[in-house]
Amino acid sequence: MFATVARLSKASRAPLTPKRGNKDFYKGTRQAFLPGGRRTGAPGKHVIGGKAKYRLVDEKVRVYVAPPLEEIENSVLKPYVALGTRLNENQEMAIFSKFRTTGGLSPRHFLRVAREHTYAEMNPSAPIQPLKTQPLWMKAQRKLEMMPETPPTIEEVNALVSATDRQPGARFKTRGLRELEEVVPEKPW
């Protein structure tokens, strides 16, 4: 007779995982074992006798930690937007200017506006390239007070921008800002 081989015993088998288990076997994300106890599954239990047919168990009720109410009210981000909310003309133009094509935002228009935004962000003392009129999105941002009416002075810019950010490309952690290329798709016919 041979002795029982240890590798055939239950103790040596690896624990069952969802990939090895049957189609309905799911171990969860192990959130129940975090500090605070079991908060998975139903938050209560059904009761046969008594007035209330369902009782909440405090240990199983889920708890969500939210920031202070003042932070939520003072935040620019809002959780819900009403269906009837419409942007006015300045708010629509502040982001991508006007959509002139029938298909909405064309790649050519997006590339032009992206270049203007990048130039204005990299050169706050002179946000418009020379010999050009002010773009519509910049006028709209100034009306909405998202951008100052007068460009900041060199001293103000130097106070805001650190020495490492003044080097070209340091902000993007690359060797420099490369020029974007415009790709025009060929016609399939």
C-alpha atoms as a PDB file:
ATOM      1  CA  MET A   1       0.000   0.000   0.000  1.00  0.00           C
ATOM      2  CA  PHE A   2       1.052   3.552  -0.650  1.00  0.00           C
ATOM      3  CA  ALA A   3       0.579   6.458   1.728  1.00  0.00           C
ATOM      4  CA  THR A   4      -1.868   9.177   0.745  1.00  0.00           C
ATOM      5  CA  VAL A   5      -0.164  11.701  -1.458  1.00  0.00           C
ATOM      6  CA  ALA A   6      -0.207  15.189   0.134  1.00  0.00           C
ATOM      7  CA  ARG A   7      -0.940  16.933  -3.121  1.00  0.00           C
ATOM      8  CA  LEU A   8      -4.278  15.139  -3.432  1.00  0.00           C
ATOM      9  CA  SER A   9      -5.541  16.372  -0.071  1.00  0.00           C
ATOM     10  CA  LYS A  10      -7.898  19.345   0.237  1.00  0.00           C
ATOM     11  CA  ALA A  11      -5.355  21.389   2.207  1.00  0.00           C
ATOM     12  CA  SER A  12      -2.930  21.586  -0.700  1.00  0.00           C
ATOM     13  CA  ARG A  13      -5.459  22.776  -3.271  1.00  0.00           C
ATOM     14  CA  ALA A  14      -5.478  26.441  -4.242  1.00  0.00           C
ATOM     15  CA  PRO A  15      -8.564  28.422  -3.172  1.00  0.00           C
ATOM     16  CA  LEU A  16     -11.319  28.635  -5.729  1.00  0.00           C
ATOM     17  CA  THR A  17     -11.283  31.788  -7.829  1.00  0.00           C
ATOM     18  CA  PRO A  18     -14.069  33.263  -9.955  1.00  0.00           C
ATOM     19  CA  LYS A  19     -12.234  32.157 -13.097  1.00  0.00           C
ATOM     20  CA  ARG A  20     -12.103  28.530 -11.982  1.00  0.00           C
ATOM     21  CA  GLY A  21     -15.578  28.500 -10.450  1.00  0.00           C
ATOM     22  CA  ASN A  22     -18.936  27.842 -12.006  1.00  0.00           C
ATOM     23  CA  LYS A  23     -20.750  30.526 -14.018  1.00  0.00           C
ATOM     24  CA  ASP A  24     -22.511  31.985 -10.953  1.00  0.00           C
ATOM     25  CA  PHE A  25     -19.490  31.933  -8.631  1.00  0.00           C
ATOM     26  CA  TYR A  26     -18.310  35.449  -7.732  1.00  0.00           C
ATOM     27  CA  LYS A  27     -16.151  36.214  -4.726  1.00  0.00           C
ATOM     28  CA  GLY A  28     -16.562  39.962  -5.006  1.00  0.00           C
ATOM     29  CA  THR A  29     -13.897  42.600  -4.595  1.00  0.00           C
ATOM     30  CA  ARG A  30     -13.304  41.669  -0.940  1.00  0.00           C
ATOM     31  CA  GLN A  31     -14.741  44.998   0.216  1.00  0.00           C
ATOM     32  CA  ALA A  32     -16.452  43.259   3.114  1.00  0.00           C
ATOM     33  CA  PHE A  33     -13.114  42.681   4.816  1.00  0.00           C
ATOM     34  CA  LEU A  34     -12.151  46.347   4.932  1.00  0.00           C
ATOM     35  CA  PRO A  35     -12.345  48.193   8.260  1.00  0.00           C
ATOM     36  CA  GLY A  36     -15.978  48.784   9.091  1.00  0.00           C
ATOM     37  CA  GLY A  37     -17.195  45.239   8.657  1.00  0.00           C
ATOM     38  CA  ARG A  38     -19.492  43.623   6.156  1.00  0.00           C
ATOM     39  CA  ARG A  39     -21.386  46.169   4.094  1.00  0.00           C
ATOM     40  CA  THR A  40     -22.172  43.981   1.120  1.00  0.00           C
ATOM     41  CA  GLY A  41     -25.431  42.419   0.126  1.00  0.00           C
ATOM     42  CA  ALA A  42     -28.859  43.530   1.257  1.00  0.00           C
ATOM     43  CA  PRO A  43     -28.928  46.270   3.927  1.00  0.00           C
ATOM     44  CA  GLY A  44     -31.473  44.403   6.041  1.00  0.00           C
ATOM     45  CA  LYS A  45     -33.618  41.289   6.329  1.00  0.00           C
ATOM     46  CA  HIS A  46     -37.222  40.304   5.802  1.00  0.00           C
ATOM     47  CA  VAL A  47     -39.233  39.718   8.976  1.00  0.00           C
ATOM     48  CA  ILE A  48     -42.286  37.455   9.023  1.00  0.00           C
ATOM     49  CA  GLY A  49     -43.879  38.663  12.269  1.00  0.00           C
ATOM     50  CA  GLY A  50     -44.469  42.274  13.285  1.00  0.00           C
ATOM     51  CA  LYS A  51     -45.600  45.468  11.591  1.00  0.00           C
ATOM     52  CA  ALA A  52     -42.445  46.145   9.598  1.00  0.00           C
ATOM     53  CA  LYS A  53     -41.853  43.421   7.035  1.00  0.00           C
ATOM     54  CA  TYR A  54     -38.282  44.541   6.369  1.00  0.00           C
ATOM     55  CA  ARG A  55     -35.774  45.626   9.010  1.00  0.00           C
ATOM     56  CA  LEU A  56     -32.577  47.498   8.306  1.00  0.00           C
ATOM     57  CA  VAL A  57     -29.443  46.146   9.971  1.00  0.00           C
ATOM     58  CA  ASP A  58     -27.102  49.001  10.892  1.00  0.00           C
ATOM     59  CA  GLU A  59     -23.985  46.927  10.253  1.00  0.00           C
ATOM     60  CA  LYS A  60     -25.046  46.283   6.650  1.00  0.00           C
ATOM     61  CA  VAL A  61     -26.267  49.758   5.669  1.00  0.00           C
ATOM     62  CA  ARG A  62     -23.854  51.319   3.220  1.00  0.00           C
ATOM     63  CA  VAL A  63     -22.170  54.556   4.282  1.00  0.00           C
ATOM     64  CA  TYR A  64     -20.831  57.124   1.838  1.00  0.00           C
ATOM     65  CA  VAL A  65     -18.248  59.703   2.895  1.00  0.00           C
ATOM     66  CA  ALA A  66     -18.942  63.079   1.276  1.00  0.00           C
ATOM     67  CA  PRO A  67     -16.910  66.289   1.377  1.00  0.00           C
ATOM     68  CA  PRO A  68     -18.168  69.147   3.562  1.00  0.00           C
ATOM     69  CA  LEU A  69     -21.293  70.909   2.306  1.00  0.00           C
ATOM     70  CA  GLU A  70     -19.455  74.229   1.905  1.00  0.00           C
ATOM     71  CA  GLU A  71     -17.006  72.636  -0.541  1.00  0.00           C
ATOM     72  CA  ILE A  72     -19.830  71.168  -2.596  1.00  0.00           C
ATOM     73  CA  GLU A  73     -21.741  74.460  -2.763  1.00  0.00           C
ATOM     74  CA  ASN A  74     -18.628  76.513  -3.611  1.00  0.00           C
ATOM     75  CA  SER A  75     -17.426  74.086  -6.282  1.00  0.00           C
ATOM     76  CA  VAL A  76     -17.645  75.024  -9.937  1.00  0.00           C
ATOM     77  CA  LEU A  77     -18.710  71.471 -10.752  1.00  0.00           C
ATOM     78  CA  LYS A  78     -22.335  70.617 -10.146  1.00  0.00           C
ATOM     79  CA  PRO A  79     -23.657  67.050  -9.954  1.00  0.00           C
ATOM     80  CA  TYR A  80     -26.810  67.526 -12.005  1.00  0.00           C
ATOM     81  CA  VAL A  81     -27.794  69.726 -14.918  1.00  0.00           C
ATOM     82  CA  ALA A  82     -31.457  70.440 -15.576  1.00  0.00           C
ATOM     83  CA  LEU A  83     -32.812  69.341 -18.952  1.00  0.00           C
ATOM     84  CA  GLY A  84     -34.049  72.849 -19.725  1.00  0.00           C
ATOM     85  CA  THR A  85     -30.624  74.437 -19.215  1.00  0.00           C
ATOM     86  CA  ARG A  86     -29.381  76.191 -22.340  1.00  0.00           C
ATOM     87  CA  LEU A  87     -26.064  77.929 -22.908  1.00  0.00           C
ATOM     88  CA  ASN A  88     -26.097  81.528 -24.026  1.00  0.00           C
ATOM     89  CA  GLU A  89     -24.150  82.612 -27.096  1.00  0.00           C
ATOM     90  CA  ASN A  90     -21.022  83.629 -25.159  1.00  0.00           C
ATOM     91  CA  GLN A  91     -20.903  80.339 -23.256  1.00  0.00           C
ATOM     92  CA  GLU A  92     -21.164  78.345 -26.485  1.00  0.00           C
ATOM     93  CA  MET A  93     -18.368  80.312 -28.153  1.00  0.00           C
ATOM     94  CA  ALA A  94     -16.070  80.309 -25.100  1.00  0.00           C
ATOM     95  CA  ILE A  95     -14.978  76.736 -25.722  1.00  0.00           C
ATOM     96  CA  PHE A  96     -14.705  76.011 -29.450  1.00  0.00           C
ATOM     97  CA  SER A  97     -16.053  79.167 -31.108  1.00  0.00           C
ATOM     98  CA  LYS A  98     -18.775  78.606 -33.727  1.00  0.00           C
ATOM     99  CA  PHE A  99     -19.404  75.323 -35.507  1.00  0.00           C
ATOM    100  CA  ARG A 100     -19.608  76.299 -39.148  1.00  0.00           C
ATOM    101  CA  THR A 101     -19.841  72.835 -40.721  1.00  0.00           C
ATOM    102  CA  THR A 102     -22.983  70.735 -40.929  1.00  0.00           C
ATOM    103  CA  GLY A 103     -21.293  67.819 -39.165  1.00  0.00           C
ATOM    104  CA  GLY A 104     -20.537  69.847 -36.045  1.00  0.00           C
ATOM    105  CA  LEU A 105     -16.908  70.104 -34.965  1.00  0.00           C
ATOM    106  CA  SER A 106     -14.659  69.418 -37.949  1.00  0.00           C
ATOM    107  CA  PRO A 107     -11.057  68.278 -37.396  1.00  0.00           C
ATOM    108  CA  ARG A 108      -9.724  71.347 -39.203  1.00  0.00           C
ATOM    109  CA  HIS A 109     -11.709  73.723 -36.959  1.00  0.00           C
ATOM    110  CA  PHE A 110     -10.725  71.797 -33.808  1.00  0.00           C
ATOM    111  CA  LEU A 111      -7.039  71.918 -34.785  1.00  0.00           C
ATOM    112  CA  ARG A 112      -7.178  75.688 -35.442  1.00  0.00           C
ATOM    113  CA  VAL A 113      -8.889  76.423 -32.115  1.00  0.00           C
ATOM    114  CA  ALA A 114      -6.528  74.045 -30.264  1.00  0.00           C
ATOM    115  CA  ARG A 115      -3.542  75.918 -31.707  1.00  0.00           C
ATOM    116  CA  GLU A 116      -5.046  79.261 -30.661  1.00  0.00           C
ATOM    117  CA  HIS A 117      -5.720  77.983 -27.124  1.00  0.00           C
ATOM    118  CA  THR A 118      -2.198  76.561 -26.831  1.00  0.00           C
ATOM    119  CA  TYR A 119      -0.623  79.796 -28.077  1.00  0.00           C
ATOM    120  CA  ALA A 120      -2.726  81.892 -25.681  1.00  0.00           C
ATOM    121  CA  GLU A 121      -1.835  79.604 -22.771  1.00  0.00           C
ATOM    122  CA  MET A 122       1.901  79.549 -23.549  1.00  0.00           C
ATOM    123  CA  ASN A 123       2.061  83.335 -24.131  1.00  0.00           C
ATOM    124  CA  PRO A 124      -0.168  85.001 -21.531  1.00  0.00           C
ATOM    125  CA  SER A 125       1.490  88.390 -22.039  1.00  0.00           C
ATOM    126  CA  ALA A 126       0.472  88.411 -25.729  1.00  0.00           C
ATOM    127  CA  PRO A 127      -2.277  85.794 -26.172  1.00  0.00           C
ATOM    128  CA  ILE A 128      -2.954  86.642 -29.843  1.00  0.00           C
ATOM    129  CA  GLN A 129      -0.449  85.931 -32.585  1.00  0.00           C
ATOM    130  CA  PRO A 130       0.661  89.078 -34.415  1.00  0.00           C
ATOM    131  CA  LEU A 131      -1.334  90.353 -37.423  1.00  0.00           C
ATOM    132  CA  LYS A 132      -4.469  88.434 -36.465  1.00  0.00           C
ATOM    133  CA  THR A 133      -7.814  89.519 -35.160  1.00  0.00           C
ATOM    134  CA  GLN A 134      -9.033  88.337 -31.811  1.00  0.00           C
ATOM    135  CA  PRO A 135     -10.748  84.900 -32.097  1.00  0.00           C
ATOM    136  CA  LEU A 136     -14.428  84.624 -31.191  1.00  0.00           C
ATOM    137  CA  TRP A 137     -13.747  82.186 -28.335  1.00  0.00           C
ATOM    138  CA  MET A 138     -11.336  84.687 -26.758  1.00  0.00           C
ATOM    139  CA  LYS A 139     -13.925  87.496 -26.976  1.00  0.00           C
ATOM    140  CA  ALA A 140     -16.512  85.214 -25.365  1.00  0.00           C
ATOM    141  CA  GLN A 141     -14.115  84.179 -22.573  1.00  0.00           C
ATOM    142  CA  ARG A 142     -13.372  87.830 -21.826  1.00  0.00           C
ATOM    143  CA  LYS A 143     -17.092  88.660 -21.670  1.00  0.00           C
ATOM    144  CA  LEU A 144     -17.620  85.764 -19.246  1.00  0.00           C
ATOM    145  CA  GLU A 145     -14.546  86.924 -17.255  1.00  0.00           C
ATOM    146  CA  MET A 146     -12.760  83.623 -17.840  1.00  0.00           C
ATOM    147  CA  MET A 147      -9.819  85.589 -19.271  1.00  0.00           C
ATOM    148  CA  PRO A 148      -8.640  89.070 -18.195  1.00  0.00           C
ATOM    149  CA  GLU A 149      -9.531  92.031 -20.434  1.00  0.00           C
ATOM    150  CA  THR A 150      -5.955  93.290 -20.501  1.00  0.00           C
ATOM    151  CA  PRO A 151      -3.057  90.870 -20.793  1.00  0.00           C
ATOM    152  CA  PRO A 152      -0.945  90.528 -17.631  1.00  0.00           C
ATOM    153  CA  THR A 153       2.385  92.303 -17.379  1.00  0.00           C
ATOM    154  CA  ILE A 154       5.692  90.465 -17.619  1.00  0.00           C
ATOM    155  CA  GLU A 155       6.184  90.778 -13.842  1.00  0.00           C
ATOM    156  CA  GLU A 156       2.788  89.202 -13.139  1.00  0.00           C
ATOM    157  CA  VAL A 157       3.522  86.334 -15.530  1.00  0.00           C
ATOM    158  CA  ASN A 158       6.933  85.721 -13.966  1.00  0.00           C
ATOM    159  CA  ALA A 159       5.362  85.679 -10.512  1.00  0.00           C
ATOM    160  CA  LEU A 160       2.822  83.068 -11.588  1.00  0.00           C
ATOM    161  CA  VAL A 161       5.132  80.849 -13.608  1.00  0.00           C
ATOM    162  CA  SER A 162       7.975  79.083 -11.825  1.00  0.00           C
ATOM    163  CA  ALA A 163      11.475  78.879 -13.255  1.00  0.00           C
ATOM    164  CA  THR A 164      11.021  75.295 -14.456  1.00  0.00           C
ATOM    165  CA  ASP A 165       7.796  76.119 -16.283  1.00  0.00           C
ATOM    166  CA  ARG A 166       9.456  78.966 -18.183  1.00  0.00           C
ATOM    167  CA  GLN A 167      11.609  76.474 -20.079  1.00  0.00           C
ATOM    168  CA  PRO A 168       9.882  75.298 -23.272  1.00  0.00           C
ATOM    169  CA  GLY A 169       8.383  71.851 -22.876  1.00  0.00           C
ATOM    170  CA  ALA A 170       9.083  71.545 -19.140  1.00  0.00           C
ATOM    171  CA  ARG A 171       5.387  71.669 -18.379  1.00  0.00           C
ATOM    172  CA  PHE A 172       4.696  68.708 -20.637  1.00  0.00           C
ATOM    173  CA  LYS A 173       7.810  66.747 -19.534  1.00  0.00           C
ATOM    174  CA  THR A 174       8.938  66.384 -23.151  1.00  0.00           C
ATOM    175  CA  ARG A 175      11.673  67.827 -25.311  1.00  0.00           C
ATOM    176  CA  GLY A 176       9.366  70.598 -26.493  1.00  0.00           C
ATOM    177  CA  LEU A 177       5.948  71.258 -27.930  1.00  0.00           C
ATOM    178  CA  ARG A 178       5.721  69.713 -31.370  1.00  0.00           C
ATOM    179  CA  GLU A 179       3.658  71.221 -34.138  1.00  0.00           C
ATOM    180  CA  LEU A 180       0.389  69.411 -34.796  1.00  0.00           C
ATOM    181  CA  GLU A 181      -0.118  68.176 -38.325  1.00  0.00           C
ATOM    182  CA  GLU A 182      -3.382  68.437 -40.169  1.00  0.00           C
ATOM    183  CA  VAL A 183      -4.338  65.195 -41.897  1.00  0.00           C
ATOM    184  CA  VAL A 184      -6.885  65.421 -44.695  1.00  0.00           C
ATOM    185  CA  PRO A 185      -8.491  62.035 -45.457  1.00  0.00           C
ATOM    186  CA  GLU A 186      -8.473  60.880 -49.064  1.00  0.00           C
ATOM    187  CA  LYS A 187     -11.749  60.362 -50.864  1.00  0.00           C
ATOM    188  CA  PRO A 188     -12.642  56.634 -51.217  1.00  0.00           C
ATOM    189  CA  TRP A 189     -13.759  56.989 -54.848  1.00  0.00           C
END
